[in-house]
C-alpha atoms as a PDB file:
ATOM      1  CA  UNK A   1      18.812 -13.416  11.076  1.00  0.00           C
ATOM      2  CA  UNK A   2      16.063 -12.197   8.640  1.00  0.00           C
ATOM      3  CA  UNK A   3      15.491  -9.732   5.868  1.00  0.00           C
ATOM      4  CA  UNK A   4      16.155  -6.397   6.773  1.00  0.00           C
ATOM      5  CA  UNK A   5      13.466  -4.765   4.270  1.00  0.00           C
ATOM      6  CA  UNK A   6      10.430  -6.758   2.766  1.00  0.00           C
ATOM      7  CA  UNK A   7       8.933  -5.215  -0.300  1.00  0.00           C
ATOM      8  CA  UNK A   8       5.840  -6.642  -1.645  1.00  0.00           C
ATOM      9  CA  UNK A   9       4.442  -6.430  -5.476  1.00  0.00           C
ATOM     10  CA  UNK A  10       1.044  -7.040  -6.398  1.00  0.00           C
ATOM     11  CA  UNK A  11      -2.139  -6.150  -8.126  1.00  0.00           C
ATOM     12  CA  UNK A  12      -3.693  -3.266  -5.870  1.00  0.00           C
ATOM     13  CA  UNK A  13      -7.221  -5.313  -5.791  1.00  0.00           C
ATOM     14  CA  UNK A  14      -8.641  -8.753  -6.790  1.00  0.00           C
ATOM     15  CA  UNK A  15      -9.781  -9.873 -10.707  1.00  0.00           C
ATOM     16  CA  UNK A  16     -13.290  -9.042  -9.627  1.00  0.00           C
ATOM     17  CA  UNK A  17     -12.237  -5.451  -8.228  1.00  0.00           C
ATOM     18  CA  UNK A  18     -12.226  -6.832  -4.299  1.00  0.00           C
ATOM     19  CA  UNK A  19      -9.878  -5.070  -1.986  1.00  0.00           C
ATOM     20  CA  UNK A  20      -6.877  -6.395  -1.065  1.00  0.00           C
ATOM     21  CA  UNK A  21      -5.070  -3.855   1.073  1.00  0.00           C
ATOM     22  CA  UNK A  22      -7.071  -4.229   4.177  1.00  0.00           C
ATOM     23  CA  UNK A  23      -7.040  -3.234   7.907  1.00  0.00           C
ATOM     24  CA  UNK A  24      -6.757  -6.846   9.154  1.00  0.00           C
ATOM     25  CA  UNK A  25      -5.191  -9.631   7.255  1.00  0.00           C
ATOM     26  CA  UNK A  26      -7.945 -12.508   6.460  1.00  0.00           C
ATOM     27  CA  UNK A  27      -5.349 -15.020   5.448  1.00  0.00           C
ATOM     28  CA  UNK A  28      -3.037 -17.009   7.897  1.00  0.00           C
ATOM     29  CA  UNK A  29       0.269 -15.088   8.639  1.00  0.00           C
ATOM     30  CA  UNK A  30       4.025 -16.305   8.401  1.00  0.00           C
ATOM     31  CA  UNK A  31       4.841 -13.177  10.585  1.00  0.00           C
ATOM     32  CA  UNK A  32       3.069 -10.254  11.446  1.00  0.00           C
ATOM     33  CA  UNK A  33       4.160  -6.269  10.860  1.00  0.00           C
ATOM     34  CA  UNK A  34       7.121  -7.318   8.672  1.00  0.00           C
ATOM     35  CA  UNK A  35       6.260  -5.293   5.180  1.00  0.00           C
ATOM     36  CA  UNK A  36       7.927  -2.017   4.809  1.00  0.00           C
ATOM     37  CA  UNK A  37       6.890  -1.347   1.248  1.00  0.00           C
ATOM     38  CA  UNK A  38       3.821  -2.301  -1.000  1.00  0.00           C
ATOM     39  CA  UNK A  39       4.304  -1.676  -4.581  1.00  0.00           C
ATOM     40  CA  UNK A  40       1.028  -2.225  -6.885  1.00  0.00           C
ATOM     41  CA  UNK A  41      -0.161  -1.337 -10.245  1.00  0.00           C
ATOM     42  CA  UNK A  42      -1.649   1.590  -8.742  1.00  0.00           C
ATOM     43  CA  UNK A  43       0.755   3.246  -6.328  1.00  0.00           C
ATOM     44  CA  UNK A  44       3.799   2.862  -4.007  1.00  0.00           C
ATOM     45  CA  UNK A  45       2.754   2.529  -0.588  1.00  0.00           C
ATOM     46  CA  UNK A  46       5.317   2.958   2.622  1.00  0.00           C
ATOM     47  CA  UNK A  47       4.514   1.081   5.862  1.00  0.00           C
ATOM     48  CA  UNK A  48       5.235   3.375   8.507  1.00  0.00           C
ATOM     49  CA  UNK A  49       4.470   3.529  12.211  1.00  0.00           C
ATOM     50  CA  UNK A  50       1.909   6.202  11.620  1.00  0.00           C
ATOM     51  CA  UNK A  51       0.107   4.084   9.045  1.00  0.00           C
ATOM     52  CA  UNK A  52       0.125   3.802   5.377  1.00  0.00           C
ATOM     53  CA  UNK A  53       1.885   6.701   3.585  1.00  0.00           C
ATOM     54  CA  UNK A  54       1.136   6.961  -0.243  1.00  0.00           C
ATOM     55  CA  UNK A  55       4.671   7.638  -1.931  1.00  0.00           C
ATOM     56  CA  UNK A  56       3.850   7.327  -5.569  1.00  0.00           C
ATOM     57  CA  UNK A  57       1.105   7.166  -8.159  1.00  0.00           C
ATOM     58  CA  UNK A  58       0.903   5.373 -11.421  1.00  0.00           C
ATOM     59  CA  UNK A  59       0.615   7.622 -14.362  1.00  0.00           C
ATOM     60  CA  UNK A  60      -3.126   8.396 -14.872  1.00  0.00           C
ATOM     61  CA  UNK A  61      -4.143   7.491 -11.362  1.00  0.00           C
ATOM     62  CA  UNK A  62      -5.120   9.834  -8.737  1.00  0.00           C
ATOM     63  CA  UNK A  63      -4.883   9.702  -4.723  1.00  0.00           C
ATOM     64  CA  UNK A  64      -8.885   9.360  -4.492  1.00  0.00           C
ATOM     65  CA  UNK A  65      -8.961   6.332  -6.703  1.00  0.00           C
ATOM     66  CA  UNK A  66      -6.294   4.672  -5.034  1.00  0.00           C
ATOM     67  CA  UNK A  67      -7.891   5.541  -1.706  1.00  0.00           C
ATOM     68  CA  UNK A  68     -11.261   4.148  -3.021  1.00  0.00           C
ATOM     69  CA  UNK A  69      -9.363   0.879  -3.561  1.00  0.00           C
ATOM     70  CA  UNK A  70      -7.495   0.533  -0.236  1.00  0.00           C
ATOM     71  CA  UNK A  71      -9.531  -0.152   3.004  1.00  0.00           C
ATOM     72  CA  UNK A  72      -7.145   1.677   5.538  1.00  0.00           C
ATOM     73  CA  UNK A  73      -6.600   5.216   5.404  1.00  0.00           C
ATOM     74  CA  UNK A  74      -3.776   6.530   3.168  1.00  0.00           C
ATOM     75  CA  UNK A  75      -1.396   9.349   4.576  1.00  0.00           C
ATOM     76  CA  UNK A  76      -0.652  11.836   2.265  1.00  0.00           C
ATOM     77  CA  UNK A  77       2.273  14.394   3.395  1.00  0.00           C
ATOM     78  CA  UNK A  78       1.565  17.903   2.272  1.00  0.00           C
ATOM     79  CA  UNK A  79       5.565  18.426   2.880  1.00  0.00           C
ATOM     80  CA  UNK A  80       6.464  15.351   0.586  1.00  0.00           C
ATOM     81  CA  UNK A  81       5.423  15.573  -3.133  1.00  0.00           C
ATOM     82  CA  UNK A  82       3.710  12.512  -4.392  1.00  0.00           C
ATOM     83  CA  UNK A  83       5.641  11.404  -7.548  1.00  0.00           C
ATOM     84  CA  UNK A  84       3.594  10.722 -10.630  1.00  0.00           C
END
């Protein structure tokens, strides 16, 4: 039986500013579609069936800044307030 929840903690971009959160993984995968939550130095992003849901922002970071550093479209919910 595998892990029930997989949380990835990482820096949001590469050292030279390149994107790390991509539409399609470019590295070899151990298992596809297993990550539930991504925590970076910029934001907390939940992986849902609808896509990536922006849950929380680091202090001083805007939604626009996070989206600019993230290839997939980020869902922001009007009903759910994004924590800062």
